[in-house]
Amino acid sequence: MFEGFETAQIDVGEASVFVRYGGHGPPVVLLHGHPRTSATWHRVAPLLVRAGHTVVCPDLRGYGRSRGPRFTEDHAGYSKRAVAEDVVAVMRRLGHQSFSLVGHDRGGAVALRLALDHPKSVSRVVFADCLPLTEHLSRITAEFATQWWHWFFFAQPGIPERVITADPDSWYHGDPQTMGEGNHEEWRQAVRDPDVVRAMLEDYRAGLTVDRRHEEIDRAAGRRIACPTLVLWSLRDDLEDLYGDPRAIWRRWATDVQGHGIDAGHHVAEQAPEDLAAALTDFLRPIPDAG
């Protein structure tokens, strides 16, 4: 995987971030979702390098080979604000002050926080298979609670750790053929690590508490994303079924929104890498100089 890429373990203060990076040209950061690692991008990242980009793929704080601070009752150490700060620090360490940003699933929540907190750092942003956390929570229905029950199970203290670590292979279902053998093996090692499992749960616990409060403050203040925004969703996932056109919801948060669906299940980077890379390449293409 990731032929021609370099890897690094970057100390950013209270966290240590494992990152893959390669290519030359305008930088783009790819943020994975739960329960994946940066390896989920192994089919997409080389296509973006070929299209002329520097591509940076970090493991989110606590996921994969990244490590975060000790766990606390307020979950602040695993808030999206803290993870967004990690990404900014990593990119500055790699020499990039401004970059494009792609967030899938939980990585999308990090991308939203980063775009709002560090607008000068983000030139363009892509949200894939995600909405702001508060948009989900304000639309809870029986269908949502049934299909997304894990959000609320993961928030319980202590119980999900015991359930998941008892048999992680049964809890998380991964197919090496669909995922790619290297990606599958890296993911499998990660979900067998009790510290990684706890950190992934802290991500969800933060989502229902500190992250929700941060988004509510943003909405009350009228903060919006000003840079060009692309919204993508998997047609064989449930986002559109639950909410209709995701672009309509994202227009409450961003001023310049476009997007479309992709024929894939939830893990689009693994299932439809060419279609995803084509959509990203088209969106990230430099705007011609009008002069």
C-alpha atoms as a PDB file:
ATOM      1  CA  MET A   1       0.000   0.000   0.000  1.00  0.00           C
ATOM      2  CA  PHE A   2       0.957   3.650  -0.509  1.00  0.00           C
ATOM      3  CA  GLU A   3       3.919   2.989  -2.781  1.00  0.00           C
ATOM      4  CA  GLY A   4       6.171   6.059  -2.871  1.00  0.00           C
ATOM      5  CA  PHE A   5       4.659   7.521   0.321  1.00  0.00           C
ATOM      6  CA  GLU A   6       6.614   8.334   3.432  1.00  0.00           C
ATOM      7  CA  THR A   7       5.449   7.771   6.995  1.00  0.00           C
ATOM      8  CA  ALA A   8       6.119   9.687  10.190  1.00  0.00           C
ATOM      9  CA  GLN A   9       5.070   9.727  13.836  1.00  0.00           C
ATOM     10  CA  ILE A  10       4.659  13.416  14.640  1.00  0.00           C
ATOM     11  CA  ASP A  11       4.543  14.721  18.210  1.00  0.00           C
ATOM     12  CA  VAL A  12       2.012  17.558  18.382  1.00  0.00           C
ATOM     13  CA  GLY A  13       2.033  18.111  22.134  1.00  0.00           C
ATOM     14  CA  GLU A  14      -0.540  16.039  23.972  1.00  0.00           C
ATOM     15  CA  ALA A  15      -0.900  13.667  20.994  1.00  0.00           C
ATOM     16  CA  SER A  16       1.338  11.685  18.665  1.00  0.00           C
ATOM     17  CA  VAL A  17       0.009  11.413  15.110  1.00  0.00           C
ATOM     18  CA  PHE A  18       0.932   8.690  12.634  1.00  0.00           C
ATOM     19  CA  VAL A  19       0.812  10.077   9.099  1.00  0.00           C
ATOM     20  CA  ARG A  20       1.385   8.925   5.524  1.00  0.00           C
ATOM     21  CA  TYR A  21       2.296  11.527   2.913  1.00  0.00           C
ATOM     22  CA  GLY A  22       3.438  11.616  -0.683  1.00  0.00           C
ATOM     23  CA  GLY A  23       3.266  13.391  -4.009  1.00  0.00           C
ATOM     24  CA  HIS A  24       3.914  16.923  -5.199  1.00  0.00           C
ATOM     25  CA  GLY A  25       1.570  19.811  -5.781  1.00  0.00           C
ATOM     26  CA  PRO A  26      -1.336  21.427  -3.906  1.00  0.00           C
ATOM     27  CA  PRO A  27      -1.784  19.613  -0.576  1.00  0.00           C
ATOM     28  CA  VAL A  28      -4.928  17.705   0.362  1.00  0.00           C
ATOM     29  CA  VAL A  29      -5.599  16.000   3.701  1.00  0.00           C
ATOM     30  CA  LEU A  30      -7.733  12.836   3.813  1.00  0.00           C
ATOM     31  CA  LEU A  31      -9.446  12.138   7.165  1.00  0.00           C
ATOM     32  CA  HIS A  32     -10.846   8.654   7.726  1.00  0.00           C
ATOM     33  CA  GLY A  33     -13.890   7.558   9.700  1.00  0.00           C
ATOM     34  CA  HIS A  34     -14.758   4.924  12.297  1.00  0.00           C
ATOM     35  CA  PRO A  35     -13.389   2.279  12.729  1.00  0.00           C
ATOM     36  CA  ARG A  36     -10.834   2.682   9.956  1.00  0.00           C
ATOM     37  CA  THR A  37      -7.293   4.050   9.855  1.00  0.00           C
ATOM     38  CA  SER A  38      -5.517   6.147   7.245  1.00  0.00           C
ATOM     39  CA  ALA A  39      -5.053   2.906   5.291  1.00  0.00           C
ATOM     40  CA  THR A  40      -8.682   3.166   4.124  1.00  0.00           C
ATOM     41  CA  TRP A  41      -7.400   5.686   1.530  1.00  0.00           C
ATOM     42  CA  HIS A  42      -4.857   3.277  -0.001  1.00  0.00           C
ATOM     43  CA  ARG A  43      -6.711   3.132  -3.349  1.00  0.00           C
ATOM     44  CA  VAL A  44      -7.633   6.833  -3.515  1.00  0.00           C
ATOM     45  CA  ALA A  45      -4.399   8.487  -2.368  1.00  0.00           C
ATOM     46  CA  PRO A  46      -2.237   7.271  -5.299  1.00  0.00           C
ATOM     47  CA  LEU A  47      -4.857   8.493  -7.773  1.00  0.00           C
ATOM     48  CA  LEU A  48      -4.736  11.969  -6.238  1.00  0.00           C
ATOM     49  CA  VAL A  49      -0.925  11.933  -6.357  1.00  0.00           C
ATOM     50  CA  ARG A  50      -1.144  11.064 -10.047  1.00  0.00           C
ATOM     51  CA  ALA A  51      -3.526  13.990 -10.503  1.00  0.00           C
ATOM     52  CA  GLY A  52      -0.834  16.339  -9.144  1.00  0.00           C
ATOM     53  CA  HIS A  53      -1.451  16.616  -5.412  1.00  0.00           C
ATOM     54  CA  THR A  54       0.545  16.230  -2.254  1.00  0.00           C
ATOM     55  CA  VAL A  55      -1.606  13.811  -0.234  1.00  0.00           C
ATOM     56  CA  VAL A  56      -1.491  13.563   3.558  1.00  0.00           C
ATOM     57  CA  CYS A  57      -3.333  10.753   5.380  1.00  0.00           C
ATOM     58  CA  PRO A  58      -3.184  10.858   9.199  1.00  0.00           C
ATOM     59  CA  ASP A  59      -4.621   8.413  11.684  1.00  0.00           C
ATOM     60  CA  LEU A  60      -7.066  10.436  13.779  1.00  0.00           C
ATOM     61  CA  ARG A  61      -6.110  10.951  17.413  1.00  0.00           C
ATOM     62  CA  GLY A  62      -6.347   7.600  19.204  1.00  0.00           C
ATOM     63  CA  TYR A  63      -7.134   5.632  16.034  1.00  0.00           C
ATOM     64  CA  GLY A  64      -4.657   3.275  14.385  1.00  0.00           C
ATOM     65  CA  ARG A  65      -1.125   4.210  15.358  1.00  0.00           C
ATOM     66  CA  SER A  66      -1.929   7.708  16.642  1.00  0.00           C
ATOM     67  CA  ARG A  67      -2.088   8.266  20.376  1.00  0.00           C
ATOM     68  CA  GLY A  68      -3.854  10.871  22.467  1.00  0.00           C
ATOM     69  CA  PRO A  69      -3.860  12.063  26.065  1.00  0.00           C
ATOM     70  CA  ARG A  70      -5.310  10.263  29.067  1.00  0.00           C
ATOM     71  CA  PHE A  71      -9.061   9.834  29.128  1.00  0.00           C
ATOM     72  CA  THR A  72     -11.081  12.319  31.166  1.00  0.00           C
ATOM     73  CA  GLU A  73     -14.707  12.563  32.246  1.00  0.00           C
ATOM     74  CA  ASP A  74     -15.384  15.557  29.991  1.00  0.00           C
ATOM     75  CA  HIS A  75     -13.961  13.734  26.898  1.00  0.00           C
ATOM     76  CA  ALA A  76     -12.297  16.996  25.804  1.00  0.00           C
ATOM     77  CA  GLY A  77      -9.040  15.259  24.909  1.00  0.00           C
ATOM     78  CA  TYR A  78     -10.851  13.500  22.073  1.00  0.00           C
ATOM     79  CA  SER A  79     -13.023  16.387  20.929  1.00  0.00           C
ATOM     80  CA  LYS A  80     -13.107  17.284  17.249  1.00  0.00           C
ATOM     81  CA  ARG A  81     -11.504  20.608  18.176  1.00  0.00           C
ATOM     82  CA  ALA A  82      -8.508  18.799  19.661  1.00  0.00           C
ATOM     83  CA  VAL A  83      -8.220  16.479  16.650  1.00  0.00           C
ATOM     84  CA  ALA A  84      -8.504  19.429  14.260  1.00  0.00           C
ATOM     85  CA  GLU A  85      -5.595  21.077  16.078  1.00  0.00           C
ATOM     86  CA  ASP A  86      -3.588  17.888  15.488  1.00  0.00           C
ATOM     87  CA  VAL A  87      -4.186  18.125  11.737  1.00  0.00           C
ATOM     88  CA  VAL A  88      -3.147  21.774  11.579  1.00  0.00           C
ATOM     89  CA  ALA A  89       0.011  21.018  13.566  1.00  0.00           C
ATOM     90  CA  VAL A  90       0.902  18.051  11.354  1.00  0.00           C
ATOM     91  CA  MET A  91       0.436  20.077   8.186  1.00  0.00           C
ATOM     92  CA  ARG A  92       2.569  22.914   9.493  1.00  0.00           C
ATOM     93  CA  ARG A  93       5.265  20.417  10.441  1.00  0.00           C
ATOM     94  CA  LEU A  94       5.144  19.132   6.854  1.00  0.00           C
ATOM     95  CA  GLY A  95       5.447  22.693   5.547  1.00  0.00           C
ATOM     96  CA  HIS A  96       1.823  23.446   4.554  1.00  0.00           C
ATOM     97  CA  GLN A  97       0.013  26.492   5.907  1.00  0.00           C
ATOM     98  CA  SER A  98      -3.073  26.038   3.719  1.00  0.00           C
ATOM     99  CA  PHE A  99      -4.595  22.868   2.268  1.00  0.00           C
ATOM    100  CA  SER A 100      -7.713  21.201   0.948  1.00  0.00           C
ATOM    101  CA  LEU A 101      -9.518  18.872   3.304  1.00  0.00           C
ATOM    102  CA  VAL A 102     -11.574  15.701   2.836  1.00  0.00           C
ATOM    103  CA  GLY A 103     -13.464  14.164   5.753  1.00  0.00           C
ATOM    104  CA  HIS A 104     -15.371  10.889   5.663  1.00  0.00           C
ATOM    105  CA  ASP A 105     -17.772   9.783   8.412  1.00  0.00           C
ATOM    106  CA  ARG A 106     -16.223  10.831  11.783  1.00  0.00           C
ATOM    107  CA  GLY A 107     -13.438  12.496   9.827  1.00  0.00           C
ATOM    108  CA  GLY A 108     -16.135  14.781   8.437  1.00  0.00           C
ATOM    109  CA  ALA A 109     -16.894  16.068  11.931  1.00  0.00           C
ATOM    110  CA  VAL A 110     -13.190  16.859  12.328  1.00  0.00           C
ATOM    111  CA  ALA A 111     -13.170  18.582   8.921  1.00  0.00           C
ATOM    112  CA  LEU A 112     -16.132  20.753   9.932  1.00  0.00           C
ATOM    113  CA  ARG A 113     -14.446  21.813  13.152  1.00  0.00           C
ATOM    114  CA  LEU A 114     -11.167  22.529  11.367  1.00  0.00           C
ATOM    115  CA  ALA A 115     -12.858  24.593   8.637  1.00  0.00           C
ATOM    116  CA  LEU A 116     -14.722  26.673  11.239  1.00  0.00           C
ATOM    117  CA  ASP A 117     -11.837  27.097  13.699  1.00  0.00           C
ATOM    118  CA  HIS A 118      -9.050  27.579  11.116  1.00  0.00           C
ATOM    119  CA  PRO A 119     -10.650  29.133   8.024  1.00  0.00           C
ATOM    120  CA  LYS A 120      -7.345  30.497   6.725  1.00  0.00           C
ATOM    121  CA  SER A 121      -5.886  26.993   6.717  1.00  0.00           C
ATOM    122  CA  VAL A 122      -8.608  25.368   4.586  1.00  0.00           C
ATOM    123  CA  SER A 123      -8.857  26.318   0.912  1.00  0.00           C
ATOM    124  CA  ARG A 124     -11.564  23.761   0.022  1.00  0.00           C
ATOM    125  CA  VAL A 125     -13.431  21.142   2.008  1.00  0.00           C
ATOM    126  CA  VAL A 126     -15.176  17.890   1.133  1.00  0.00           C
ATOM    127  CA  PHE A 127     -17.687  16.126   3.381  1.00  0.00           C
ATOM    128  CA  ALA A 128     -18.380  12.480   2.515  1.00  0.00           C
ATOM    129  CA  ASP A 129     -21.166  10.437   4.124  1.00  0.00           C
ATOM    130  CA  CYS A 130     -21.632  12.807   7.041  1.00  0.00           C
ATOM    131  CA  LEU A 131     -23.570  15.732   8.472  1.00  0.00           C
ATOM    132  CA  PRO A 132     -22.793  18.041  11.381  1.00  0.00           C
ATOM    133  CA  LEU A 133     -23.363  16.087  14.592  1.00  0.00           C
ATOM    134  CA  THR A 134     -26.072  18.451  15.795  1.00  0.00           C
ATOM    135  CA  GLU A 135     -27.998  18.013  12.555  1.00  0.00           C
ATOM    136  CA  HIS A 136     -28.235  14.303  13.274  1.00  0.00           C
ATOM    137  CA  LEU A 137     -29.188  14.872  16.893  1.00  0.00           C
ATOM    138  CA  SER A 138     -31.878  17.421  16.073  1.00  0.00           C
ATOM    139  CA  ARG A 139     -33.525  14.980  13.657  1.00  0.00           C
ATOM    140  CA  ILE A 140     -33.700  11.837  15.785  1.00  0.00           C
ATOM    141  CA  THR A 141     -36.443   9.499  14.622  1.00  0.00           C
ATOM    142  CA  ALA A 142     -37.224   5.860  15.299  1.00  0.00           C
ATOM    143  CA  GLU A 143     -35.427   5.026  12.039  1.00  0.00           C
ATOM    144  CA  PHE A 144     -32.313   6.932  13.054  1.00  0.00           C
ATOM    145  CA  ALA A 145     -32.285   5.438  16.546  1.00  0.00           C
ATOM    146  CA  THR A 146     -32.664   1.944  15.090  1.00  0.00           C
ATOM    147  CA  GLN A 147     -29.999   2.266  12.395  1.00  0.00           C
ATOM    148  CA  TRP A 148     -27.551   4.453  14.328  1.00  0.00           C
ATOM    149  CA  TRP A 149     -28.058   2.912  17.764  1.00  0.00           C
ATOM    150  CA  HIS A 150     -24.298   2.460  18.149  1.00  0.00           C
ATOM    151  CA  TRP A 151     -23.893   6.220  18.741  1.00  0.00           C
ATOM    152  CA  PHE A 152     -25.738   5.891  22.040  1.00  0.00           C
ATOM    153  CA  PHE A 153     -24.315   2.494  22.957  1.00  0.00           C
ATOM    154  CA  PHE A 154     -20.766   3.815  22.492  1.00  0.00           C
ATOM    155  CA  ALA A 155     -21.569   6.698  24.855  1.00  0.00           C
ATOM    156  CA  GLN A 156     -22.265   4.360  27.781  1.00  0.00           C
ATOM    157  CA  PRO A 157     -19.481   4.286  30.386  1.00  0.00           C
ATOM    158  CA  GLY A 158     -17.430   1.089  30.451  1.00  0.00           C
ATOM    159  CA  ILE A 159     -19.914  -1.283  28.830  1.00  0.00           C
ATOM    160  CA  PRO A 160     -18.939  -1.003  25.134  1.00  0.00           C
ATOM    161  CA  GLU A 161     -15.238  -1.483  25.943  1.00  0.00           C
ATOM    162  CA  ARG A 162     -16.004  -4.857  27.543  1.00  0.00           C
ATOM    163  CA  VAL A 163     -18.317  -5.945  24.744  1.00  0.00           C
ATOM    164  CA  ILE A 164     -16.019  -4.979  21.856  1.00  0.00           C
ATOM    165  CA  THR A 165     -12.704  -6.156  23.282  1.00  0.00           C
ATOM    166  CA  ALA A 166     -14.219  -9.543  24.189  1.00  0.00           C
ATOM    167  CA  ASP A 167     -14.420 -10.406  20.473  1.00  0.00           C
ATOM    168  CA  PRO A 168     -13.423  -7.526  18.167  1.00  0.00           C
ATOM    169  CA  ASP A 169     -13.515  -9.710  15.047  1.00  0.00           C
ATOM    170  CA  SER A 170     -17.183 -10.475  15.643  1.00  0.00           C
ATOM    171  CA  TRP A 171     -18.054  -6.889  16.531  1.00  0.00           C
ATOM    172  CA  TYR A 172     -16.312  -5.292  13.550  1.00  0.00           C
ATOM    173  CA  HIS A 173     -16.862  -7.098  10.287  1.00  0.00           C
ATOM    174  CA  GLY A 174     -14.081  -6.569   7.754  1.00  0.00           C
ATOM    175  CA  ASP A 175     -13.629  -8.241   4.385  1.00  0.00           C
ATOM    176  CA  PRO A 176      -9.998  -8.360   3.164  1.00  0.00           C
ATOM    177  CA  GLN A 177     -11.093  -8.687  -0.460  1.00  0.00           C
ATOM    178  CA  THR A 178     -13.224  -5.537  -0.336  1.00  0.00           C
ATOM    179  CA  MET A 179     -10.891  -3.571   1.912  1.00  0.00           C
ATOM    180  CA  GLY A 180      -7.604  -4.805   0.459  1.00  0.00           C
ATOM    181  CA  GLU A 181      -5.454  -7.208   2.457  1.00  0.00           C
ATOM    182  CA  GLY A 182      -3.006  -4.627   3.815  1.00  0.00           C
ATOM    183  CA  ASN A 183      -5.770  -2.230   4.846  1.00  0.00           C
ATOM    184  CA  HIS A 184      -7.713  -5.079   6.438  1.00  0.00           C
ATOM    185  CA  GLU A 185      -4.716  -6.299   8.429  1.00  0.00           C
ATOM    186  CA  GLU A 186      -3.891  -2.809   9.693  1.00  0.00           C
ATOM    187  CA  TRP A 187      -7.512  -2.232  10.693  1.00  0.00           C
ATOM    188  CA  ARG A 188      -7.695  -5.644  12.386  1.00  0.00           C
ATOM    189  CA  GLN A 189      -4.608  -4.936  14.480  1.00  0.00           C
ATOM    190  CA  ALA A 190      -6.027  -1.571  15.510  1.00  0.00           C
ATOM    191  CA  VAL A 191      -9.410  -2.841  16.704  1.00  0.00           C
ATOM    192  CA  ARG A 192      -7.673  -5.551  18.775  1.00  0.00           C
ATOM    193  CA  ASP A 193      -5.853  -2.854  20.800  1.00  0.00           C
ATOM    194  CA  PRO A 194      -7.904  -1.937  23.922  1.00  0.00           C
ATOM    195  CA  ASP A 195      -6.431   1.582  23.963  1.00  0.00           C
ATOM    196  CA  VAL A 196      -7.549   2.174  20.379  1.00  0.00           C
ATOM    197  CA  VAL A 197     -11.026   0.850  21.141  1.00  0.00           C
ATOM    198  CA  ARG A 198     -11.313   3.184  24.142  1.00  0.00           C
ATOM    199  CA  ALA A 199     -10.127   6.154  22.085  1.00  0.00           C
ATOM    200  CA  MET A 200     -12.645   5.405  19.321  1.00  0.00           C
ATOM    201  CA  LEU A 201     -15.408   5.312  21.936  1.00  0.00           C
ATOM    202  CA  GLU A 202     -14.170   8.608  23.383  1.00  0.00           C
ATOM    203  CA  ASP A 203     -14.632  10.062  19.885  1.00  0.00           C
ATOM    204  CA  TYR A 204     -18.357   9.222  20.127  1.00  0.00           C
ATOM    205  CA  ARG A 205     -18.652  10.312  23.751  1.00  0.00           C
ATOM    206  CA  ALA A 206     -17.165  13.663  22.824  1.00  0.00           C
ATOM    207  CA  GLY A 207     -19.580  13.856  19.895  1.00  0.00           C
ATOM    208  CA  LEU A 208     -22.621  13.766  22.156  1.00  0.00           C
ATOM    209  CA  THR A 209     -21.195  16.222  24.686  1.00  0.00           C
ATOM    210  CA  VAL A 210     -18.377  18.695  24.064  1.00  0.00           C
ATOM    211  CA  ASP A 211     -18.594  18.537  20.242  1.00  0.00           C
ATOM    212  CA  ARG A 212     -22.345  19.082  20.319  1.00  0.00           C
ATOM    213  CA  ARG A 213     -21.872  22.167  22.492  1.00  0.00           C
ATOM    214  CA  HIS A 214     -19.224  23.564  20.153  1.00  0.00           C
ATOM    215  CA  GLU A 215     -21.544  23.181  17.156  1.00  0.00           C
ATOM    216  CA  GLU A 216     -24.459  24.769  19.038  1.00  0.00           C
ATOM    217  CA  ILE A 217     -22.257  27.774  19.835  1.00  0.00           C
ATOM    218  CA  ASP A 218     -21.312  28.026  16.144  1.00  0.00           C
ATOM    219  CA  ARG A 219     -24.951  27.972  15.037  1.00  0.00           C
ATOM    220  CA  ALA A 220     -25.954  30.605  17.590  1.00  0.00           C
ATOM    221  CA  ALA A 221     -23.099  32.828  16.405  1.00  0.00           C
ATOM    222  CA  GLY A 222     -23.973  32.317  12.724  1.00  0.00           C
ATOM    223  CA  ARG A 223     -20.535  30.923  11.848  1.00  0.00           C
ATOM    224  CA  ARG A 224     -20.350  29.402   8.373  1.00  0.00           C
ATOM    225  CA  ILE A 225     -17.756  27.832   6.096  1.00  0.00           C
ATOM    226  CA  ALA A 226     -16.767  30.353   3.436  1.00  0.00           C
ATOM    227  CA  CYS A 227     -14.549  28.217   1.206  1.00  0.00           C
ATOM    228  CA  PRO A 228     -15.904  26.039  -1.647  1.00  0.00           C
ATOM    229  CA  THR A 229     -17.582  22.938  -0.210  1.00  0.00           C
ATOM    230  CA  LEU A 230     -18.280  19.575  -1.837  1.00  0.00           C
ATOM    231  CA  VAL A 231     -20.821  17.174  -0.326  1.00  0.00           C
ATOM    232  CA  LEU A 232     -20.667  13.515  -1.392  1.00  0.00           C
ATOM    233  CA  TRP A 233     -22.795  10.643  -0.207  1.00  0.00           C
ATOM    234  CA  SER A 234     -22.936   6.913  -0.889  1.00  0.00           C
ATOM    235  CA  LEU A 235     -26.100   5.896  -2.708  1.00  0.00           C
ATOM    236  CA  ARG A 236     -26.095   2.466  -1.048  1.00  0.00           C
ATOM    237  CA  ASP A 237     -25.791   3.985   2.432  1.00  0.00           C
ATOM    238  CA  ASP A 238     -28.681   5.493   4.415  1.00  0.00           C
ATOM    239  CA  LEU A 239     -27.865   9.222   4.589  1.00  0.00           C
ATOM    240  CA  GLU A 240     -30.181  10.270   1.763  1.00  0.00           C
ATOM    241  CA  ASP A 241     -32.895   7.848   2.906  1.00  0.00           C
ATOM    242  CA  LEU A 242     -32.936   9.417   6.364  1.00  0.00           C
ATOM    243  CA  TYR A 243     -32.600  13.090   5.451  1.00  0.00           C
ATOM    244  CA  GLY A 244     -33.216  13.660   1.772  1.00  0.00           C
ATOM    245  CA  ASP A 245     -30.652  15.734  -0.124  1.00  0.00           C
ATOM    246  CA  PRO A 246     -27.635  16.208   2.214  1.00  0.00           C
ATOM    247  CA  ARG A 247     -26.629  19.364   0.326  1.00  0.00           C
ATOM    248  CA  ALA A 248     -29.701  21.160   1.653  1.00  0.00           C
ATOM    249  CA  ILE A 249     -28.574  20.558   5.226  1.00  0.00           C
ATOM    250  CA  TRP A 250     -24.974  21.514   4.547  1.00  0.00           C
ATOM    251  CA  ARG A 251     -26.139  24.842   3.079  1.00  0.00           C
ATOM    252  CA  ARG A 252     -27.046  25.822   6.641  1.00  0.00           C
ATOM    253  CA  TRP A 253     -23.324  25.579   7.440  1.00  0.00           C
ATOM    254  CA  ALA A 254     -21.524  26.618   4.244  1.00  0.00           C
ATOM    255  CA  THR A 255     -22.033  29.375   1.690  1.00  0.00           C
ATOM    256  CA  ASP A 256     -20.820  27.588  -1.458  1.00  0.00           C
ATOM    257  CA  VAL A 257     -22.091  23.987  -1.617  1.00  0.00           C
ATOM    258  CA  GLN A 258     -22.159  21.522  -4.477  1.00  0.00           C
ATOM    259  CA  GLY A 259     -22.160  17.745  -4.580  1.00  0.00           C
ATOM    260  CA  HIS A 260     -23.659  14.452  -5.686  1.00  0.00           C
ATOM    261  CA  GLY A 261     -24.104  10.813  -4.750  1.00  0.00           C
ATOM    262  CA  ILE A 262     -21.686   7.994  -5.590  1.00  0.00           C
ATOM    263  CA  ASP A 263     -22.766   4.412  -6.285  1.00  0.00           C
ATOM    264  CA  ALA A 264     -21.152   2.725  -3.275  1.00  0.00           C
ATOM    265  CA  GLY A 265     -21.764   1.555   0.255  1.00  0.00           C
ATOM    266  CA  HIS A 266     -20.587   3.508   3.274  1.00  0.00           C
ATOM    267  CA  HIS A 267     -16.844   2.847   2.891  1.00  0.00           C
ATOM    268  CA  VAL A 268     -16.685   4.644  -0.437  1.00  0.00           C
ATOM    269  CA  ALA A 269     -12.891   4.985  -0.538  1.00  0.00           C
ATOM    270  CA  GLU A 270     -12.594   1.204  -0.531  1.00  0.00           C
ATOM    271  CA  GLN A 271     -15.622   0.373  -2.685  1.00  0.00           C
ATOM    272  CA  ALA A 272     -15.544   3.086  -5.373  1.00  0.00           C
ATOM    273  CA  PRO A 273     -12.049   4.643  -5.285  1.00  0.00           C
ATOM    274  CA  GLU A 274     -11.982   5.684  -8.942  1.00  0.00           C
ATOM    275  CA  ASP A 275     -15.338   7.486  -8.727  1.00  0.00           C
ATOM    276  CA  LEU A 276     -14.361   9.157  -5.481  1.00  0.00           C
ATOM    277  CA  ALA A 277     -10.938  10.214  -6.774  1.00  0.00           C
ATOM    278  CA  ALA A 278     -12.528  11.602  -9.946  1.00  0.00           C
ATOM    279  CA  ALA A 279     -14.977  13.683  -7.914  1.00  0.00           C
ATOM    280  CA  LEU A 280     -12.188  14.985  -5.694  1.00  0.00           C
ATOM    281  CA  THR A 281      -9.855  15.732  -8.596  1.00  0.00           C
ATOM    282  CA  ASP A 282     -12.542  17.693 -10.414  1.00  0.00           C
ATOM    283  CA  PHE A 283     -13.428  19.705  -7.305  1.00  0.00           C
ATOM    284  CA  LEU A 284      -9.824  20.365  -6.297  1.00  0.00           C
ATOM    285  CA  ARG A 285      -8.757  21.483  -9.762  1.00  0.00           C
ATOM    286  CA  PRO A 286      -7.352  25.043  -9.627  1.00  0.00           C
ATOM    287  CA  ILE A 287      -9.736  27.743 -10.777  1.00  0.00           C
ATOM    288  CA  PRO A 288      -8.400  29.366 -13.993  1.00  0.00           C
ATOM    289  CA  ASP A 289      -7.118  32.885 -13.592  1.00  0.00           C
ATOM    290  CA  ALA A 290      -9.757  35.220 -15.039  1.00  0.00           C
ATOM    291  CA  GLY A 291      -7.024  37.639 -16.092  1.00  0.00           C
END
